[in-house]
Amino acid sequence: MKLAYKVAIGLVAISCFVIIFSVIQKPPLSEEQAFMMVFGNYDRTHKSASWEHIPFPDKEELSGHYWEEKKGIVRAIFFQPYHENGMHKVVLLTKTIPSNIPFDRHACRPLIGAAIFVRKHAHWEIEAQNQFIMYDGEYGSLPVVKLIAIGKEKVGLSLEFEHIAETDRALNIIVPYKNSIVNAHIEIIYYENFSGCEASNAIECVAYVSNIAFDKSMPGAFYGLRVKKFGTVYNDKKGKSMPVDEEVTYRLLDGHYVQIAKKAISNMEWTDIH
């Protein structure tokens, strides 16, 4: 009995060692492997994938004739490993453009998608994905992308797009939510219309900046947002530009940041949103 017990213990120890060794020795997920898992193909020369019969959501209106053939070329915008809640993960952010037409005008905004991979034992799995997050990237340009902490042991992305036609910078906060990946908040962090208003008396001049900070004191798995806006904005009711100096607070609800309070910085008066 003692011999059998020792043999059993030895086999368990060897099995554990093999599992641990295989996990440690497992190479990191490559971009090619990630593309193969999502799109089923990968062109090593052009570092891209072809996507045919793109299953656009039924409710979505396709942008003009750009996507009539429902074929696209997919390339990586951002491919980065990270750790979340003690697990090894990789995020792949992609842009897809039509494969049949030039796509380099200011109105040409690629389809932005993403997938998150998680390593379980010695294998990589797709944890969440959404290939229809948004359209952005004037002239097909790429955003500034960063990994950000969106909660305790929760990681998301910030995407900052600069638009020349509108002279603004838009910040998008991308959040993994359930089995999907969503654009949880869009904030214009800089805007001005000086080129238009200076040439026309009919256009009011406006300019403002917005600063975004995460509120770690808010209860729940996700941090809240505090957005401070300062400058001048156009008031539709009064038909003129007016100063703005305010702070708005948001919390994540069903995958989107919802406004819960607002205060004017000048008098520090809070207005709760019910």
Foldseek 3Di string as FASTA:
>chain_A
DVVVVVVVVVVVVVVVVVLVVLQVPQDDDDLQNVCCVPAVDADPVVRKDKHFPQPPDPVDDDDPCFCVRVIWIKHWQDWDWDFFPRWIKIKTKIWIGRPPDDQQAQVRWTFIWMWMWTDDRNDIDTQAIDRRADTGDGRVHAWDKDWDAFFRRAIWMWTWHARPVQGWIKIWIWGDDHRYIYRADIDTQWGWDCVPVVVDVLDATWIKGKDKDWAHPDDDGGTKIKIWMFTWDADPVVGYIDTATKIWIWDDDPRHTDTAWMAGPVVRDIDGDD
